[in-house]
Amino acid sequence: MPNERTDSKGTGTMKVTLMKSPVGFNRNQLAVVRGLGLRRIRHTVELKDTPAARGMVHKVRHLVEVTE
């Protein structure tokens, strides 16, 4: 049974680009950046638009740029 709040609809993806280095920030934020699949500055990954991914992006919003 689908859940309207958590299931992605349609093309439900977002592109996340690492714009600033996580060095010098909290280690947890480095782990989140790695968990998103970002490896280096200007690296872009396409992720499913899920609440979990949005929460991770929110935690490092000062380091990344998101395009829908």
PDB file of N, CA and C in Angstrom:
ATOM      1  N   MET A   1       0.838  -1.177   0.000  1.00  0.00           N
ATOM      2  CA  MET A   1       0.000   0.000   0.000  1.00  0.00           C
ATOM      3  C   MET A   1       0.892   1.253   0.000  1.00  0.00           C
ATOM      4  N   PRO A   2       0.724   2.149  -0.982  1.00  0.00           N
ATOM      5  CA  PRO A   2       1.592   3.332  -1.054  1.00  0.00           C
ATOM      6  C   PRO A   2       1.291   4.353   0.034  1.00  0.00           C
ATOM      7  N   ASN A   3       2.315   5.040   0.445  1.00  0.00           N
ATOM      8  CA  ASN A   3       2.184   6.090   1.446  1.00  0.00           C
ATOM      9  C   ASN A   3       2.430   7.428   0.753  1.00  0.00           C
ATOM     10  N   GLU A   4       1.441   8.307   0.755  1.00  0.00           N
ATOM     11  CA  GLU A   4       1.539   9.569   0.028  1.00  0.00           C
ATOM     12  C   GLU A   4       2.656  10.458   0.547  1.00  0.00           C
ATOM     13  N   ARG A   5       2.927  10.445   1.840  1.00  0.00           N
ATOM     14  CA  ARG A   5       3.920  11.350   2.411  1.00  0.00           C
ATOM     15  C   ARG A   5       5.342  10.917   2.118  1.00  0.00           C
ATOM     16  N   THR A   6       5.596   9.631   2.033  1.00  0.00           N
ATOM     17  CA  THR A   6       6.977   9.170   1.908  1.00  0.00           C
ATOM     18  C   THR A   6       7.331   8.613   0.541  1.00  0.00           C
ATOM     19  N   ASP A   7       6.387   8.186  -0.234  1.00  0.00           N
ATOM     20  CA  ASP A   7       6.700   7.630  -1.553  1.00  0.00           C
ATOM     21  C   ASP A   7       6.951   8.749  -2.546  1.00  0.00           C
ATOM     22  N   SER A   8       7.997   8.578  -3.356  1.00  0.00           N
ATOM     23  CA  SER A   8       8.277   9.585  -4.380  1.00  0.00           C
ATOM     24  C   SER A   8       7.302   9.389  -5.530  1.00  0.00           C
ATOM     25  N   LYS A   9       6.928  10.491  -6.125  1.00  0.00           N
ATOM     26  CA  LYS A   9       5.971  10.443  -7.229  1.00  0.00           C
ATOM     27  C   LYS A   9       6.660  10.872  -8.511  1.00  0.00           C
ATOM     28  N   GLY A  10       6.319  10.226  -9.607  1.00  0.00           N
ATOM     29  CA  GLY A  10       6.834  10.643 -10.903  1.00  0.00           C
ATOM     30  C   GLY A  10       8.347  10.547 -10.995  1.00  0.00           C
ATOM     31  N   THR A  11       8.965  11.646 -11.405  1.00  0.00           N
ATOM     32  CA  THR A  11      10.406  11.649 -11.611  1.00  0.00           C
ATOM     33  C   THR A  11      11.163  11.896 -10.325  1.00  0.00           C
ATOM     34  N   GLY A  12      10.556  12.022  -9.208  1.00  0.00           N
ATOM     35  CA  GLY A  12      11.098  12.259  -7.888  1.00  0.00           C
ATOM     36  C   GLY A  12      12.597  12.151  -7.693  1.00  0.00           C
ATOM     37  N   THR A  13      13.378  12.956  -8.399  1.00  0.00           N
ATOM     38  CA  THR A  13      14.818  12.950  -8.189  1.00  0.00           C
ATOM     39  C   THR A  13      15.299  14.368  -7.928  1.00  0.00           C
ATOM     40  N   MET A  14      16.466  14.455  -7.333  1.00  0.00           N
ATOM     41  CA  MET A  14      17.098  15.757  -7.122  1.00  0.00           C
ATOM     42  C   MET A  14      18.589  15.599  -7.358  1.00  0.00           C
ATOM     43  N   LYS A  15      19.197  16.657  -7.852  1.00  0.00           N
ATOM     44  CA  LYS A  15      20.640  16.652  -8.094  1.00  0.00           C
ATOM     45  C   LYS A  15      21.304  17.439  -6.974  1.00  0.00           C
ATOM     46  N   VAL A  16      22.282  16.827  -6.356  1.00  0.00           N
ATOM     47  CA  VAL A  16      22.998  17.436  -5.240  1.00  0.00           C
ATOM     48  C   VAL A  16      24.456  17.600  -5.649  1.00  0.00           C
ATOM     49  N   THR A  17      24.981  18.817  -5.479  1.00  0.00           N
ATOM     50  CA  THR A  17      26.365  19.132  -5.837  1.00  0.00           C
ATOM     51  C   THR A  17      27.101  19.616  -4.600  1.00  0.00           C
ATOM     52  N   LEU A  18      28.274  19.052  -4.362  1.00  0.00           N
ATOM     53  CA  LEU A  18      29.109  19.497  -3.244  1.00  0.00           C
ATOM     54  C   LEU A  18      29.810  20.786  -3.654  1.00  0.00           C
ATOM     55  N   MET A  19      29.541  21.881  -2.960  1.00  0.00           N
ATOM     56  CA  MET A  19      30.090  23.187  -3.316  1.00  0.00           C
ATOM     57  C   MET A  19      31.218  23.625  -2.384  1.00  0.00           C
ATOM     58  N   LYS A  20      31.270  23.066  -1.189  1.00  0.00           N
ATOM     59  CA  LYS A  20      32.263  23.483  -0.202  1.00  0.00           C
ATOM     60  C   LYS A  20      32.807  22.234   0.487  1.00  0.00           C
ATOM     61  N   SER A  21      34.057  22.258   0.835  1.00  0.00           N
ATOM     62  CA  SER A  21      34.693  21.111   1.467  1.00  0.00           C
ATOM     63  C   SER A  21      34.169  20.906   2.891  1.00  0.00           C
ATOM     64  N   PRO A  22      33.916  19.660   3.274  1.00  0.00           N
ATOM     65  CA  PRO A  22      33.481  19.382   4.640  1.00  0.00           C
ATOM     66  C   PRO A  22      34.625  19.382   5.652  1.00  0.00           C
ATOM     67  N   VAL A  23      35.856  19.572   5.198  1.00  0.00           N
ATOM     68  CA  VAL A  23      37.002  19.618   6.103  1.00  0.00           C
ATOM     69  C   VAL A  23      36.863  20.842   6.997  1.00  0.00           C
ATOM     70  N   GLY A  24      37.032  20.647   8.281  1.00  0.00           N
ATOM     71  CA  GLY A  24      36.907  21.751   9.228  1.00  0.00           C
ATOM     72  C   GLY A  24      35.536  21.821   9.866  1.00  0.00           C
ATOM     73  N   PHE A  25      34.597  21.011   9.377  1.00  0.00           N
ATOM     74  CA  PHE A  25      33.271  20.942   9.972  1.00  0.00           C
ATOM     75  C   PHE A  25      33.180  19.665  10.805  1.00  0.00           C
ATOM     76  N   ASN A  26      32.056  19.464  11.416  1.00  0.00           N
ATOM     77  CA  ASN A  26      31.818  18.303  12.256  1.00  0.00           C
ATOM     78  C   ASN A  26      32.043  17.003  11.465  1.00  0.00           C
ATOM     79  N   ARG A  27      32.612  16.004  12.106  1.00  0.00           N
ATOM     80  CA  ARG A  27      32.856  14.709  11.442  1.00  0.00           C
ATOM     81  C   ARG A  27      31.566  14.067  10.969  1.00  0.00           C
ATOM     82  N   ASN A  28      30.484  14.281  11.696  1.00  0.00           N
ATOM     83  CA  ASN A  28      29.195  13.717  11.276  1.00  0.00           C
ATOM     84  C   ASN A  28      28.779  14.269   9.923  1.00  0.00           C
ATOM     85  N   GLN A  29      29.109  15.522   9.668  1.00  0.00           N
ATOM     86  CA  GLN A  29      28.755  16.126   8.390  1.00  0.00           C
ATOM     87  C   GLN A  29      29.578  15.528   7.257  1.00  0.00           C
ATOM     88  N   LEU A  30      30.832  15.203   7.516  1.00  0.00           N
ATOM     89  CA  LEU A  30      31.641  14.507   6.524  1.00  0.00           C
ATOM     90  C   LEU A  30      31.021  13.148   6.200  1.00  0.00           C
ATOM     91  N   ALA A  31      30.542  12.455   7.223  1.00  0.00           N
ATOM     92  CA  ALA A  31      29.908  11.147   7.019  1.00  0.00           C
ATOM     93  C   ALA A  31      28.638  11.291   6.186  1.00  0.00           C
ATOM     94  N   VAL A  32      27.882  12.345   6.409  1.00  0.00           N
ATOM     95  CA  VAL A  32      26.655  12.574   5.637  1.00  0.00           C
ATOM     96  C   VAL A  32      26.993  12.853   4.175  1.00  0.00           C
ATOM     97  N   VAL A  33      28.022  13.669   3.945  1.00  0.00           N
ATOM     98  CA  VAL A  33      28.442  13.972   2.573  1.00  0.00           C
ATOM     99  C   VAL A  33      28.847  12.688   1.867  1.00  0.00           C
ATOM    100  N   ARG A  34      29.616  11.850   2.533  1.00  0.00           N
ATOM    101  CA  ARG A  34      30.017  10.564   1.944  1.00  0.00           C
ATOM    102  C   ARG A  34      28.795   9.662   1.727  1.00  0.00           C
ATOM    103  N   GLY A  35      27.860   9.691   2.665  1.00  0.00           N
ATOM    104  CA  GLY A  35      26.647   8.889   2.544  1.00  0.00           C
ATOM    105  C   GLY A  35      25.786   9.299   1.358  1.00  0.00           C
ATOM    106  N   LEU A  36      25.847  10.568   1.004  1.00  0.00           N
ATOM    107  CA  LEU A  36      25.118  11.043  -0.175  1.00  0.00           C
ATOM    108  C   LEU A  36      25.802  10.621  -1.467  1.00  0.00           C
ATOM    109  N   GLY A  37      27.040  10.153  -1.358  1.00  0.00           N
ATOM    110  CA  GLY A  37      27.769   9.711  -2.540  1.00  0.00           C
ATOM    111  C   GLY A  37      28.644  10.784  -3.145  1.00  0.00           C
ATOM    112  N   LEU A  38      28.814  11.889  -2.438  1.00  0.00           N
ATOM    113  CA  LEU A  38      29.638  12.986  -2.945  1.00  0.00           C
ATOM    114  C   LEU A  38      31.088  12.747  -2.562  1.00  0.00           C
ATOM    115  N   ARG A  39      31.987  12.873  -3.535  1.00  0.00           N
ATOM    116  CA  ARG A  39      33.388  12.535  -3.312  1.00  0.00           C
ATOM    117  C   ARG A  39      34.318  13.738  -3.318  1.00  0.00           C
ATOM    118  N   ARG A  40      34.012  14.738  -4.113  1.00  0.00           N
ATOM    119  CA  ARG A  40      34.904  15.887  -4.234  1.00  0.00           C
ATOM    120  C   ARG A  40      34.079  17.138  -4.539  1.00  0.00           C
ATOM    121  N   ILE A  41      34.694  18.294  -4.439  1.00  0.00           N
ATOM    122  CA  ILE A  41      34.011  19.543  -4.726  1.00  0.00           C
ATOM    123  C   ILE A  41      33.593  19.553  -6.194  1.00  0.00           C
ATOM    124  N   ARG A  42      32.412  20.056  -6.456  1.00  0.00           N
ATOM    125  CA  ARG A  42      31.782  20.125  -7.784  1.00  0.00           C
ATOM    126  C   ARG A  42      31.302  18.768  -8.289  1.00  0.00           C
ATOM    127  N   HIS A  43      31.317  17.750  -7.453  1.00  0.00           N
ATOM    128  CA  HIS A  43      30.797  16.441  -7.827  1.00  0.00           C
ATOM    129  C   HIS A  43      29.284  16.462  -7.646  1.00  0.00           C
ATOM    130  N   THR A  44      28.542  15.979  -8.632  1.00  0.00           N
ATOM    131  CA  THR A  44      27.083  15.980  -8.597  1.00  0.00           C
ATOM    132  C   THR A  44      26.570  14.548  -8.633  1.00  0.00           C
ATOM    133  N   VAL A  45      25.589  14.280  -7.789  1.00  0.00           N
ATOM    134  CA  VAL A  45      24.924  12.980  -7.801  1.00  0.00           C
ATOM    135  C   VAL A  45      23.417  13.215  -7.918  1.00  0.00           C
ATOM    136  N   GLU A  46      22.738  12.254  -8.516  1.00  0.00           N
ATOM    137  CA  GLU A  46      21.287  12.326  -8.636  1.00  0.00           C
ATOM    138  C   GLU A  46      20.702  11.325  -7.644  1.00  0.00           C
ATOM    139  N   LEU A  47      19.859  11.829  -6.754  1.00  0.00           N
ATOM    140  CA  LEU A  47      19.285  11.005  -5.699  1.00  0.00           C
ATOM    141  C   LEU A  47      17.772  10.970  -5.815  1.00  0.00           C
ATOM    142  N   LYS A  48      17.178   9.891  -5.323  1.00  0.00           N
ATOM    143  CA  LYS A  48      15.732   9.830  -5.208  1.00  0.00           C
ATOM    144  C   LYS A  48      15.274  10.841  -4.173  1.00  0.00           C
ATOM    145  N   ASP A  49      14.195  11.509  -4.458  1.00  0.00           N
ATOM    146  CA  ASP A  49      13.678  12.534  -3.552  1.00  0.00           C
ATOM    147  C   ASP A  49      12.857  11.861  -2.453  1.00  0.00           C
ATOM    148  N   THR A  50      13.555  11.416  -1.408  1.00  0.00           N
ATOM    149  CA  THR A  50      12.908  10.749  -0.288  1.00  0.00           C
ATOM    150  C   THR A  50      13.119  11.568   0.979  1.00  0.00           C
ATOM    151  N   PRO A  51      12.316  11.337   1.998  1.00  0.00           N
ATOM    152  CA  PRO A  51      12.521  12.058   3.253  1.00  0.00           C
ATOM    153  C   PRO A  51      13.911  11.829   3.846  1.00  0.00           C
ATOM    154  N   ALA A  52      14.455  10.639   3.692  1.00  0.00           N
ATOM    155  CA  ALA A  52      15.790  10.349   4.224  1.00  0.00           C
ATOM    156  C   ALA A  52      16.843  11.181   3.503  1.00  0.00           C
ATOM    157  N   ALA A  53      16.768  11.234   2.185  1.00  0.00           N
ATOM    158  CA  ALA A  53      17.732  12.018   1.412  1.00  0.00           C
ATOM    159  C   ALA A  53      17.583  13.499   1.717  1.00  0.00           C
ATOM    160  N   ARG A  54      16.350  13.973   1.854  1.00  0.00           N
ATOM    161  CA  ARG A  54      16.121  15.382   2.183  1.00  0.00           C
ATOM    162  C   ARG A  54      16.686  15.719   3.565  1.00  0.00           C
ATOM    163  N   GLY A  55      16.562  14.812   4.511  1.00  0.00           N
ATOM    164  CA  GLY A  55      17.117  15.038   5.844  1.00  0.00           C
ATOM    165  C   GLY A  55      18.624  15.124   5.814  1.00  0.00           C
ATOM    166  N   MET A  56      19.257  14.277   4.996  1.00  0.00           N
ATOM    167  CA  MET A  56      20.710  14.319   4.877  1.00  0.00           C
ATOM    168  C   MET A  56      21.160  15.625   4.224  1.00  0.00           C
ATOM    169  N   VAL A  57      20.453  16.046   3.186  1.00  0.00           N
ATOM    170  CA  VAL A  57      20.788  17.303   2.520  1.00  0.00           C
ATOM    171  C   VAL A  57      20.593  18.469   3.481  1.00  0.00           C
ATOM    172  N   HIS A  58      19.553  18.417   4.283  1.00  0.00           N
ATOM    173  CA  HIS A  58      19.289  19.489   5.242  1.00  0.00           C
ATOM    174  C   HIS A  58      20.418  19.612   6.262  1.00  0.00           C
ATOM    175  N   LYS A  59      20.995  18.492   6.638  1.00  0.00           N
ATOM    176  CA  LYS A  59      22.067  18.501   7.633  1.00  0.00           C
ATOM    177  C   LYS A  59      23.338  19.167   7.106  1.00  0.00           C
ATOM    178  N   VAL A  60      23.553  19.095   5.798  1.00  0.00           N
ATOM    179  CA  VAL A  60      24.763  19.698   5.209  1.00  0.00           C
ATOM    180  C   VAL A  60      24.398  20.773   4.179  1.00  0.00           C
ATOM    181  N   ARG A  61      23.305  21.472   4.416  1.00  0.00           N
ATOM    182  CA  ARG A  61      22.809  22.452   3.446  1.00  0.00           C
ATOM    183  C   ARG A  61      23.782  23.597   3.198  1.00  0.00           C
ATOM    184  N   HIS A  62      24.700  23.845   4.113  1.00  0.00           N
ATOM    185  CA  HIS A  62      25.696  24.898   3.945  1.00  0.00           C
ATOM    186  C   HIS A  62      26.863  24.451   3.059  1.00  0.00           C
ATOM    187  N   LEU A  63      26.914  23.156   2.736  1.00  0.00           N
ATOM    188  CA  LEU A  63      28.009  22.618   1.922  1.00  0.00           C
ATOM    189  C   LEU A  63      27.567  22.230   0.498  1.00  0.00           C
ATOM    190  N   VAL A  64      26.267  22.070   0.290  1.00  0.00           N
ATOM    191  CA  VAL A  64      25.771  21.541  -0.989  1.00  0.00           C
ATOM    192  C   VAL A  64      24.808  22.517  -1.654  1.00  0.00           C
ATOM    193  N   GLU A  65      24.556  22.238  -2.927  1.00  0.00           N
ATOM    194  CA  GLU A  65      23.569  22.964  -3.709  1.00  0.00           C
ATOM    195  C   GLU A  65      22.640  21.928  -4.317  1.00  0.00           C
ATOM    196  N   VAL A  66      21.340  22.173  -4.251  1.00  0.00           N
ATOM    197  CA  VAL A  66      20.351  21.214  -4.731  1.00  0.00           C
ATOM    198  C   VAL A  66      19.580  21.814  -5.888  1.00  0.00           C
ATOM    199  N   THR A  67      19.428  21.031  -6.961  1.00  0.00           N
ATOM    200  CA  THR A  67      18.563  21.403  -8.069  1.00  0.00           C
ATOM    201  C   THR A  67      17.569  20.269  -8.260  1.00  0.00           C
ATOM    202  N   GLU A  68      16.371  20.625  -8.510  1.00  0.00           N
ATOM    203  CA  GLU A  68      15.292  19.621  -8.640  1.00  0.00           C
ATOM    204  C   GLU A  68      15.261  18.998 -10.009  1.00  0.00           C
TER     205      GLU A  68
END
